[in-house]
Amino acid sequence: MRGETAAGAGPRRGTGWDMGLAAERASRAEIAVQLVLDAIFGLQLDLAILKSTSSWAWPRRRAGGLWEKRR
C-alpha cells in the first residue's frame, strides 16, 4: 500500500506523514530557540532594508552626537 512498508508496519521514512510526526515531537525548547533565531535574523533583514530605503541618516559621530536628516 502507498506510504507503508512491504510488511505493513507503518509509514515509510521521508513521507509527509513522518515529517509531520517528527515536527510534533520537537520539544518546546527547540521551538523557542528557532523562534528567537528567526526573530533575530528577521530583524537584521528588516534593519538592512530600512537602512537602504530610509531618508534618515544612520547614527554617525558628529559634533553634537545627534542624528541629522540627510540633505
N, C-alpha and C. Protein backbone atom coordinates (compact mmCIF):
# COMPACT_ATOMS: atom_id res chain seq x y z
N MET A 1 0.83 -1.19 0.00
CA MET A 1 0.00 0.00 0.00
C MET A 1 0.87 1.25 0.00
N ARG A 2 0.29 2.32 -0.43
CA ARG A 2 1.05 3.56 -0.51
C ARG A 2 1.37 4.09 0.88
N GLY A 3 2.63 4.50 1.09
CA GLY A 3 3.05 5.05 2.37
C GLY A 3 3.34 4.01 3.43
N GLU A 4 3.29 2.75 3.11
CA GLU A 4 3.58 1.71 4.09
C GLU A 4 4.70 0.81 3.58
N THR A 5 5.35 0.16 4.51
CA THR A 5 6.40 -0.79 4.13
C THR A 5 5.75 -2.05 3.59
N ALA A 6 6.56 -2.93 3.04
CA ALA A 6 6.03 -4.18 2.49
C ALA A 6 5.36 -5.01 3.57
N ALA A 7 5.89 -4.93 4.80
CA ALA A 7 5.31 -5.71 5.89
C ALA A 7 4.08 -5.03 6.48
N GLY A 8 3.80 -3.80 6.04
CA GLY A 8 2.65 -3.08 6.57
C GLY A 8 2.89 -2.56 7.98
N ALA A 9 4.15 -2.32 8.31
CA ALA A 9 4.48 -1.90 9.67
C ALA A 9 4.19 -0.43 9.92
N GLY A 10 3.88 0.31 8.91
CA GLY A 10 3.59 1.74 9.11
C GLY A 10 4.19 2.55 7.99
N PRO A 11 4.11 3.84 8.12
CA PRO A 11 4.60 4.72 7.05
C PRO A 11 6.11 4.63 6.85
N ARG A 12 6.53 4.87 5.63
CA ARG A 12 7.96 4.90 5.32
C ARG A 12 8.56 6.20 5.81
N ARG A 13 9.86 6.16 6.04
CA ARG A 13 10.56 7.40 6.41
C ARG A 13 10.60 8.34 5.21
N GLY A 14 10.54 9.63 5.50
CA GLY A 14 10.65 10.62 4.44
C GLY A 14 9.32 10.99 3.82
N THR A 15 8.25 10.36 4.24
CA THR A 15 6.95 10.75 3.70
C THR A 15 6.46 11.98 4.45
N GLY A 16 5.50 12.66 3.91
CA GLY A 16 4.95 13.84 4.57
C GLY A 16 4.39 13.51 5.94
N TRP A 17 3.78 12.33 6.08
CA TRP A 17 3.21 11.93 7.36
C TRP A 17 4.30 11.83 8.42
N ASP A 18 5.43 11.20 8.06
CA ASP A 18 6.52 11.02 9.00
C ASP A 18 7.13 12.36 9.40
N MET A 19 7.26 13.26 8.45
CA MET A 19 7.84 14.57 8.75
C MET A 19 6.93 15.36 9.69
N GLY A 20 5.63 15.25 9.48
CA GLY A 20 4.70 15.93 10.36
C GLY A 20 4.77 15.38 11.78
N LEU A 21 4.93 14.08 11.90
CA LEU A 21 5.04 13.44 13.21
C LEU A 21 6.31 13.90 13.91
N ALA A 22 7.41 14.00 13.17
CA ALA A 22 8.67 14.45 13.76
C ALA A 22 8.55 15.88 14.26
N ALA A 23 7.85 16.72 13.52
CA ALA A 23 7.68 18.11 13.93
C ALA A 23 6.86 18.19 15.22
N GLU A 24 5.88 17.32 15.36
CA GLU A 24 5.07 17.31 16.58
C GLU A 24 5.88 16.88 17.79
N ARG A 25 6.89 16.08 17.56
CA ARG A 25 7.71 15.57 18.66
C ARG A 25 8.78 16.56 19.11
N ALA A 26 8.98 17.63 18.36
CA ALA A 26 10.01 18.61 18.73
C ALA A 26 9.66 19.23 20.08
N SER A 27 10.67 19.40 20.90
CA SER A 27 10.42 19.95 22.23
C SER A 27 10.11 21.43 22.16
N ARG A 28 9.48 21.92 23.20
CA ARG A 28 9.14 23.35 23.25
C ARG A 28 10.40 24.20 23.25
N ALA A 29 11.46 23.70 23.86
CA ALA A 29 12.72 24.46 23.89
C ALA A 29 13.28 24.64 22.49
N GLU A 30 13.23 23.60 21.68
CA GLU A 30 13.73 23.70 20.30
C GLU A 30 12.91 24.71 19.51
N ILE A 31 11.60 24.68 19.71
CA ILE A 31 10.73 25.61 19.00
C ILE A 31 11.02 27.05 19.45
N ALA A 32 11.22 27.24 20.76
CA ALA A 32 11.51 28.57 21.28
C ALA A 32 12.82 29.11 20.72
N VAL A 33 13.84 28.25 20.67
CA VAL A 33 15.13 28.67 20.12
C VAL A 33 14.98 29.05 18.66
N GLN A 34 14.23 28.27 17.91
CA GLN A 34 14.03 28.57 16.49
C GLN A 34 13.31 29.90 16.31
N LEU A 35 12.30 30.16 17.14
CA LEU A 35 11.57 31.42 17.05
C LEU A 35 12.47 32.61 17.36
N VAL A 36 13.33 32.46 18.37
CA VAL A 36 14.25 33.55 18.72
C VAL A 36 15.22 33.80 17.57
N LEU A 37 15.78 32.74 17.01
CA LEU A 37 16.72 32.91 15.89
C LEU A 37 16.03 33.54 14.69
N ASP A 38 14.81 33.10 14.40
CA ASP A 38 14.06 33.68 13.28
C ASP A 38 13.80 35.16 13.52
N ALA A 39 13.49 35.52 14.76
CA ALA A 39 13.23 36.93 15.09
C ALA A 39 14.50 37.76 14.92
N ILE A 40 15.63 37.23 15.38
CA ILE A 40 16.90 37.97 15.27
C ILE A 40 17.27 38.18 13.81
N PHE A 41 17.25 37.11 13.02
CA PHE A 41 17.63 37.24 11.62
C PHE A 41 16.62 38.05 10.84
N GLY A 42 15.35 37.93 11.19
CA GLY A 42 14.32 38.74 10.55
C GLY A 42 14.52 40.21 10.84
N LEU A 43 14.89 40.53 12.09
CA LEU A 43 15.14 41.92 12.47
C LEU A 43 16.35 42.46 11.73
N GLN A 44 17.39 41.66 11.60
CA GLN A 44 18.58 42.10 10.87
C GLN A 44 18.23 42.41 9.42
N LEU A 45 17.40 41.58 8.82
CA LEU A 45 16.99 41.81 7.44
C LEU A 45 16.15 43.08 7.34
N ASP A 46 15.22 43.25 8.29
CA ASP A 46 14.38 44.45 8.30
C ASP A 46 15.24 45.71 8.44
N LEU A 47 16.24 45.67 9.31
CA LEU A 47 17.11 46.83 9.50
C LEU A 47 17.92 47.12 8.25
N ALA A 48 18.37 46.08 7.56
CA ALA A 48 19.13 46.28 6.33
C ALA A 48 18.25 46.93 5.27
N ILE A 49 17.01 46.50 5.17
CA ILE A 49 16.08 47.10 4.20
C ILE A 49 15.79 48.54 4.59
N LEU A 50 15.53 48.76 5.87
CA LEU A 50 15.24 50.11 6.35
C LEU A 50 16.43 51.04 6.08
N LYS A 51 17.63 50.55 6.35
CA LYS A 51 18.82 51.37 6.14
C LYS A 51 18.98 51.75 4.67
N SER A 52 18.66 50.84 3.78
CA SER A 52 18.85 51.11 2.36
C SER A 52 17.75 51.99 1.77
N THR A 53 16.59 52.05 2.43
CA THR A 53 15.47 52.82 1.86
C THR A 53 15.11 54.04 2.68
N SER A 54 15.73 54.23 3.83
CA SER A 54 15.35 55.31 4.73
C SER A 54 15.89 56.66 4.25
N SER A 55 15.12 57.72 4.52
CA SER A 55 15.59 59.07 4.19
C SER A 55 16.37 59.67 5.36
N TRP A 56 16.45 58.94 6.46
CA TRP A 56 17.19 59.41 7.63
C TRP A 56 18.58 58.78 7.63
N ALA A 57 19.56 59.58 7.97
CA ALA A 57 20.93 59.07 8.06
C ALA A 57 21.05 58.21 9.32
N TRP A 58 21.83 57.17 9.24
CA TRP A 58 22.07 56.34 10.41
C TRP A 58 23.05 57.07 11.32
N PRO A 59 23.06 56.74 12.60
CA PRO A 59 23.90 57.47 13.56
C PRO A 59 25.36 57.51 13.14
N ARG A 60 25.90 58.68 13.19
CA ARG A 60 27.32 58.88 12.91
C ARG A 60 27.89 59.78 13.99
N ARG A 61 29.18 59.69 14.19
CA ARG A 61 29.82 60.57 15.16
C ARG A 61 29.91 61.96 14.54
N ARG A 62 29.17 62.88 15.11
CA ARG A 62 29.21 64.25 14.63
C ARG A 62 29.46 65.16 15.82
N ALA A 63 29.56 66.44 15.56
CA ALA A 63 29.89 67.40 16.60
C ALA A 63 28.96 67.27 17.81
N GLY A 64 27.66 67.24 17.57
CA GLY A 64 26.73 67.17 18.69
C GLY A 64 26.34 65.76 19.06
N GLY A 65 26.74 64.79 18.27
CA GLY A 65 26.36 63.42 18.52
C GLY A 65 24.90 63.14 18.20
N LEU A 66 24.23 64.06 17.53
CA LEU A 66 22.82 63.90 17.21
C LEU A 66 22.65 63.34 15.81
N TRP A 67 21.51 62.73 15.59
CA TRP A 67 21.19 62.26 14.24
C TRP A 67 20.74 63.47 13.44
N GLU A 68 21.17 63.53 12.21
CA GLU A 68 20.76 64.64 11.37
C GLU A 68 20.05 64.10 10.14
N LYS A 69 19.06 64.87 9.70
CA LYS A 69 18.35 64.46 8.49
C LYS A 69 19.27 64.67 7.28
N ARG A 70 19.31 63.68 6.42
CA ARG A 70 20.15 63.76 5.23
C ARG A 70 19.62 64.87 4.32
N ARG A 71 20.53 65.65 3.76
CA ARG A 71 20.10 66.77 2.90
C ARG A 71 20.25 66.43 1.45
